[in-house]
Amino acid sequence: MITEIGIVAGEIWDLLEKSKETSLKNIIKKIDKSPKLIFMSIGWLAREGHIILKKENNDYKVCLR
């Protein structure tokens, strides 16, 4: 499971490098993995200090630090 989380974290990182900032909803739409796995990967990236999450209306904006 840790390997899967790391792979998805890499996919999220690649997406954020291209788009600079995007919504959590867009990440879920663009990455063909379960939302639970995406949330775990975002948590990992956030805990490691690689991303910034900002609450915006009913969603979150995500960008690389």
C-alpha atoms as a PDB file:
ATOM      1  CA  MET A   1       0.000   0.000   0.000  1.00  0.00           C
ATOM      2  CA  ILE A   2       2.849   2.415   0.802  1.00  0.00           C
ATOM      3  CA  THR A   3       4.207   1.914  -2.713  1.00  0.00           C
ATOM      4  CA  GLU A   4       0.815   2.746  -4.263  1.00  0.00           C
ATOM      5  CA  ILE A   5       0.529   5.901  -2.142  1.00  0.00           C
ATOM      6  CA  GLY A   6       4.008   6.973  -3.249  1.00  0.00           C
ATOM      7  CA  ILE A   7       3.235   6.357  -6.929  1.00  0.00           C
ATOM      8  CA  VAL A   8       0.035   8.406  -6.741  1.00  0.00           C
ATOM      9  CA  ALA A   9       1.895  11.137  -4.831  1.00  0.00           C
ATOM     10  CA  GLY A  10       4.288  11.272  -7.791  1.00  0.00           C
ATOM     11  CA  GLU A  11       1.367  11.589 -10.211  1.00  0.00           C
ATOM     12  CA  ILE A  12      -0.052  14.450  -8.130  1.00  0.00           C
ATOM     13  CA  TRP A  13       3.375  16.117  -8.046  1.00  0.00           C
ATOM     14  CA  ASP A  14       3.635  15.877 -11.868  1.00  0.00           C
ATOM     15  CA  LEU A  15       0.144  17.342 -12.275  1.00  0.00           C
ATOM     16  CA  LEU A  16       0.989  20.246  -9.953  1.00  0.00           C
ATOM     17  CA  GLU A  17       4.277  20.947 -11.742  1.00  0.00           C
ATOM     18  CA  LYS A  18       2.323  21.428 -14.986  1.00  0.00           C
ATOM     19  CA  SER A  19      -0.642  23.377 -13.621  1.00  0.00           C
ATOM     20  CA  LYS A  20       1.045  25.233 -10.695  1.00  0.00           C
ATOM     21  CA  GLU A  21      -2.222  25.241  -8.698  1.00  0.00           C
ATOM     22  CA  THR A  22      -5.384  23.203  -9.044  1.00  0.00           C
ATOM     23  CA  SER A  23      -8.425  22.165  -7.066  1.00  0.00           C
ATOM     24  CA  LEU A  24      -8.753  18.943  -5.151  1.00  0.00           C
ATOM     25  CA  LYS A  25     -11.765  18.101  -7.326  1.00  0.00           C
ATOM     26  CA  ASN A  26      -9.596  18.506 -10.438  1.00  0.00           C
ATOM     27  CA  ILE A  27      -6.893  16.219  -9.025  1.00  0.00           C
ATOM     28  CA  ILE A  28      -9.524  13.535  -8.383  1.00  0.00           C
ATOM     29  CA  LYS A  29     -10.853  14.015 -11.925  1.00  0.00           C
ATOM     30  CA  LYS A  30      -7.426  13.932 -13.630  1.00  0.00           C
ATOM     31  CA  ILE A  31      -5.846  11.023 -11.730  1.00  0.00           C
ATOM     32  CA  ASP A  32      -7.479   7.683 -12.436  1.00  0.00           C
ATOM     33  CA  LYS A  33      -7.240   6.295  -8.894  1.00  0.00           C
ATOM     34  CA  SER A  34      -9.685   6.002  -6.012  1.00  0.00           C
ATOM     35  CA  PRO A  35     -10.347   9.215  -4.072  1.00  0.00           C
ATOM     36  CA  LYS A  36      -9.223   7.465  -0.859  1.00  0.00           C
ATOM     37  CA  LEU A  37      -5.827   6.688  -2.377  1.00  0.00           C
ATOM     38  CA  ILE A  38      -5.550  10.271  -3.674  1.00  0.00           C
ATOM     39  CA  PHE A  39      -6.376  11.641  -0.208  1.00  0.00           C
ATOM     40  CA  MET A  40      -3.713   9.425   1.386  1.00  0.00           C
ATOM     41  CA  SER A  41      -1.165  10.638  -1.178  1.00  0.00           C
ATOM     42  CA  ILE A  42      -2.080  14.279  -0.613  1.00  0.00           C
ATOM     43  CA  GLY A  43      -1.747  13.712   3.127  1.00  0.00           C
ATOM     44  CA  TRP A  44       1.698  12.258   2.597  1.00  0.00           C
ATOM     45  CA  LEU A  45       2.784  15.199   0.432  1.00  0.00           C
ATOM     46  CA  ALA A  46       1.351  17.681   2.937  1.00  0.00           C
ATOM     47  CA  ARG A  47       3.013  15.969   5.913  1.00  0.00           C
ATOM     48  CA  GLU A  48       6.355  16.018   4.114  1.00  0.00           C
ATOM     49  CA  GLY A  49       5.884  19.750   3.445  1.00  0.00           C
ATOM     50  CA  HIS A  50       5.782  19.431  -0.344  1.00  0.00           C
ATOM     51  CA  ILE A  51       2.363  20.970  -0.970  1.00  0.00           C
ATOM     52  CA  ILE A  52       0.174  23.763   0.334  1.00  0.00           C
ATOM     53  CA  LEU A  53      -3.574  23.295   0.773  1.00  0.00           C
ATOM     54  CA  LYS A  54      -5.871  26.328   0.871  1.00  0.00           C
ATOM     55  CA  LYS A  55      -9.596  26.073   1.629  1.00  0.00           C
ATOM     56  CA  GLU A  56     -11.591  27.850  -1.055  1.00  0.00           C
ATOM     57  CA  ASN A  57     -15.392  27.704  -0.911  1.00  0.00           C
ATOM     58  CA  ASN A  58     -16.395  24.027  -0.846  1.00  0.00           C
ATOM     59  CA  ASP A  59     -13.071  22.776  -2.196  1.00  0.00           C
ATOM     60  CA  TYR A  60      -9.329  23.050  -1.611  1.00  0.00           C
ATOM     61  CA  LYS A  61      -6.663  24.570  -3.836  1.00  0.00           C
ATOM     62  CA  VAL A  62      -3.447  22.582  -3.949  1.00  0.00           C
ATOM     63  CA  CYS A  63      -0.022  23.822  -5.072  1.00  0.00           C
ATOM     64  CA  LEU A  64       3.594  22.817  -4.670  1.00  0.00           C
ATOM     65  CA  ARG A  65       5.519  24.547  -1.904  1.00  0.00           C
END
